Amino acid sequence: MPLKKAWQPLERSTVGTAPDRYGVYELGDGDGNVLAVDHGPLRDSLKEALAYGDGEEVRWQTTQNRQQAERLTEEHRNRL
């Protein structure tokens, strides 16, 4: 099950709106295909993804803590 958020372009302005909280994020290829699912402090993780050119689009979901982010990441990875 993909995250229930709309894709946003993976660019500096989008990353700037990401909360400074733990969460799960998906990186996409521009056609709506998921390239990667990961977790971490969202703003820092997305800055890194942007710097490395890991995708064209992104969507995320915040979590209450790191453990919840890890659990959701595993659930989402299993479906890929």
C-alpha atoms as a PDB file:
ATOM      1  CA  MET A   1       0.000   0.000   0.000  1.00  0.00           C
ATOM      2  CA  PRO A   2       1.601   3.291  -1.046  1.00  0.00           C
ATOM      3  CA  LEU A   3       1.554   6.321   1.178  1.00  0.00           C
ATOM      4  CA  LYS A   4      -1.743   8.157   0.858  1.00  0.00           C
ATOM      5  CA  LYS A   5      -0.199  11.454  -0.150  1.00  0.00           C
ATOM      6  CA  ALA A   6       0.194  13.153  -3.493  1.00  0.00           C
ATOM      7  CA  TRP A   7       3.612  13.184  -5.111  1.00  0.00           C
ATOM      8  CA  GLN A   8       5.548  16.444  -4.878  1.00  0.00           C
ATOM      9  CA  PRO A   9       8.625  17.387  -6.891  1.00  0.00           C
ATOM     10  CA  LEU A  10      11.866  16.579  -5.105  1.00  0.00           C
ATOM     11  CA  GLU A  11      13.320  20.063  -5.110  1.00  0.00           C
ATOM     12  CA  ARG A  12      14.667  22.542  -2.586  1.00  0.00           C
ATOM     13  CA  SER A  13      11.326  24.293  -1.955  1.00  0.00           C
ATOM     14  CA  THR A  14       9.579  20.974  -1.235  1.00  0.00           C
ATOM     15  CA  VAL A  15      12.330  19.811   1.102  1.00  0.00           C
ATOM     16  CA  GLY A  16      12.055  23.139   2.938  1.00  0.00           C
ATOM     17  CA  THR A  17       8.414  22.374   3.769  1.00  0.00           C
ATOM     18  CA  ALA A  18       9.190  18.933   5.202  1.00  0.00           C
ATOM     19  CA  PRO A  19       8.758  18.778   8.968  1.00  0.00           C
ATOM     20  CA  ASP A  20      11.759  18.257  11.201  1.00  0.00           C
ATOM     21  CA  ARG A  21      10.249  15.031  12.573  1.00  0.00           C
ATOM     22  CA  TYR A  22      10.670  11.328  12.031  1.00  0.00           C
ATOM     23  CA  GLY A  23       8.688   9.821   9.228  1.00  0.00           C
ATOM     24  CA  VAL A  24       8.513   7.493   6.259  1.00  0.00           C
ATOM     25  CA  TYR A  25       9.121   8.741   2.743  1.00  0.00           C
ATOM     26  CA  GLU A  26       8.904   7.389  -0.777  1.00  0.00           C
ATOM     27  CA  LEU A  27      11.011   8.562  -3.683  1.00  0.00           C
ATOM     28  CA  GLY A  28       9.501   8.336  -7.160  1.00  0.00           C
ATOM     29  CA  ASP A  29      10.698   8.452 -10.752  1.00  0.00           C
ATOM     30  CA  GLY A  30       8.347  11.098 -12.127  1.00  0.00           C
ATOM     31  CA  ASP A  31       5.888   8.556 -13.562  1.00  0.00           C
ATOM     32  CA  GLY A  32       4.472   7.599 -10.167  1.00  0.00           C
ATOM     33  CA  ASN A  33       6.687   4.553  -9.715  1.00  0.00           C
ATOM     34  CA  VAL A  34       8.228   4.102  -6.270  1.00  0.00           C
ATOM     35  CA  LEU A  35      12.025   3.878  -6.417  1.00  0.00           C
ATOM     36  CA  ALA A  36      12.764   3.714  -2.696  1.00  0.00           C
ATOM     37  CA  VAL A  37      11.097   3.686   0.710  1.00  0.00           C
ATOM     38  CA  ASP A  38      13.019   4.855   3.745  1.00  0.00           C
ATOM     39  CA  HIS A  39      12.651   6.581   7.104  1.00  0.00           C
ATOM     40  CA  GLY A  40      14.433   9.115   9.264  1.00  0.00           C
ATOM     41  CA  PRO A  41      14.270  12.742  10.259  1.00  0.00           C
ATOM     42  CA  LEU A  42      12.368  13.911   7.183  1.00  0.00           C
ATOM     43  CA  ARG A  43      13.994  17.229   6.381  1.00  0.00           C
ATOM     44  CA  ASP A  44      17.553  15.896   6.762  1.00  0.00           C
ATOM     45  CA  SER A  45      16.804  12.688   4.862  1.00  0.00           C
ATOM     46  CA  LEU A  46      15.181  14.564   1.988  1.00  0.00           C
ATOM     47  CA  LYS A  47      18.077  17.042   1.778  1.00  0.00           C
ATOM     48  CA  GLU A  48      20.366  14.063   1.298  1.00  0.00           C
ATOM     49  CA  ALA A  49      18.087  12.464  -1.305  1.00  0.00           C
ATOM     50  CA  LEU A  50      17.969  15.764  -3.200  1.00  0.00           C
ATOM     51  CA  ALA A  51      21.754  16.160  -3.082  1.00  0.00           C
ATOM     52  CA  TYR A  52      22.299  12.650  -4.470  1.00  0.00           C
ATOM     53  CA  GLY A  53      19.529  12.882  -7.071  1.00  0.00           C
ATOM     54  CA  ASP A  54      17.782   9.802  -5.698  1.00  0.00           C
ATOM     55  CA  GLY A  55      14.421  10.576  -7.332  1.00  0.00           C
ATOM     56  CA  GLU A  56      12.268  13.140  -9.084  1.00  0.00           C
ATOM     57  CA  GLU A  57       9.293  13.059  -6.710  1.00  0.00           C
ATOM     58  CA  VAL A  58       8.701  12.529  -3.016  1.00  0.00           C
ATOM     59  CA  ARG A  59       5.879  11.968  -0.563  1.00  0.00           C
ATOM     60  CA  TRP A  60       6.038  11.415   3.166  1.00  0.00           C
ATOM     61  CA  GLN A  61       4.122  10.613   6.313  1.00  0.00           C
ATOM     62  CA  THR A  62       5.200  11.769   9.762  1.00  0.00           C
ATOM     63  CA  THR A  63       5.321   9.346  12.666  1.00  0.00           C
ATOM     64  CA  GLN A  64       5.292   9.673  16.430  1.00  0.00           C
ATOM     65  CA  ASN A  65       8.797   8.256  16.867  1.00  0.00           C
ATOM     66  CA  ARG A  66      11.654   6.359  15.239  1.00  0.00           C
ATOM     67  CA  GLN A  67      10.248   2.924  16.074  1.00  0.00           C
ATOM     68  CA  GLN A  68       6.951   3.662  14.349  1.00  0.00           C
ATOM     69  CA  ALA A  69       8.850   4.985  11.317  1.00  0.00           C
ATOM     70  CA  GLU A  70      10.894   1.771  11.156  1.00  0.00           C
ATOM     71  CA  ARG A  71       7.752  -0.396  11.348  1.00  0.00           C
ATOM     72  CA  LEU A  72       5.966   1.538   8.599  1.00  0.00           C
ATOM     73  CA  THR A  73       9.045   1.438   6.400  1.00  0.00           C
ATOM     74  CA  GLU A  74       9.184  -2.352   6.624  1.00  0.00           C
ATOM     75  CA  GLU A  75       5.478  -2.624   5.794  1.00  0.00           C
ATOM     76  CA  HIS A  76       5.889  -0.424   2.729  1.00  0.00           C
ATOM     77  CA  ARG A  77       9.071  -2.182   1.574  1.00  0.00           C
ATOM     78  CA  ASN A  78       7.395  -5.574   1.754  1.00  0.00           C
ATOM     79  CA  ARG A  79       4.850  -4.495  -0.866  1.00  0.00           C
ATOM     80  CA  LEU A  80       7.528  -3.460  -3.378  1.00  0.00           C
END
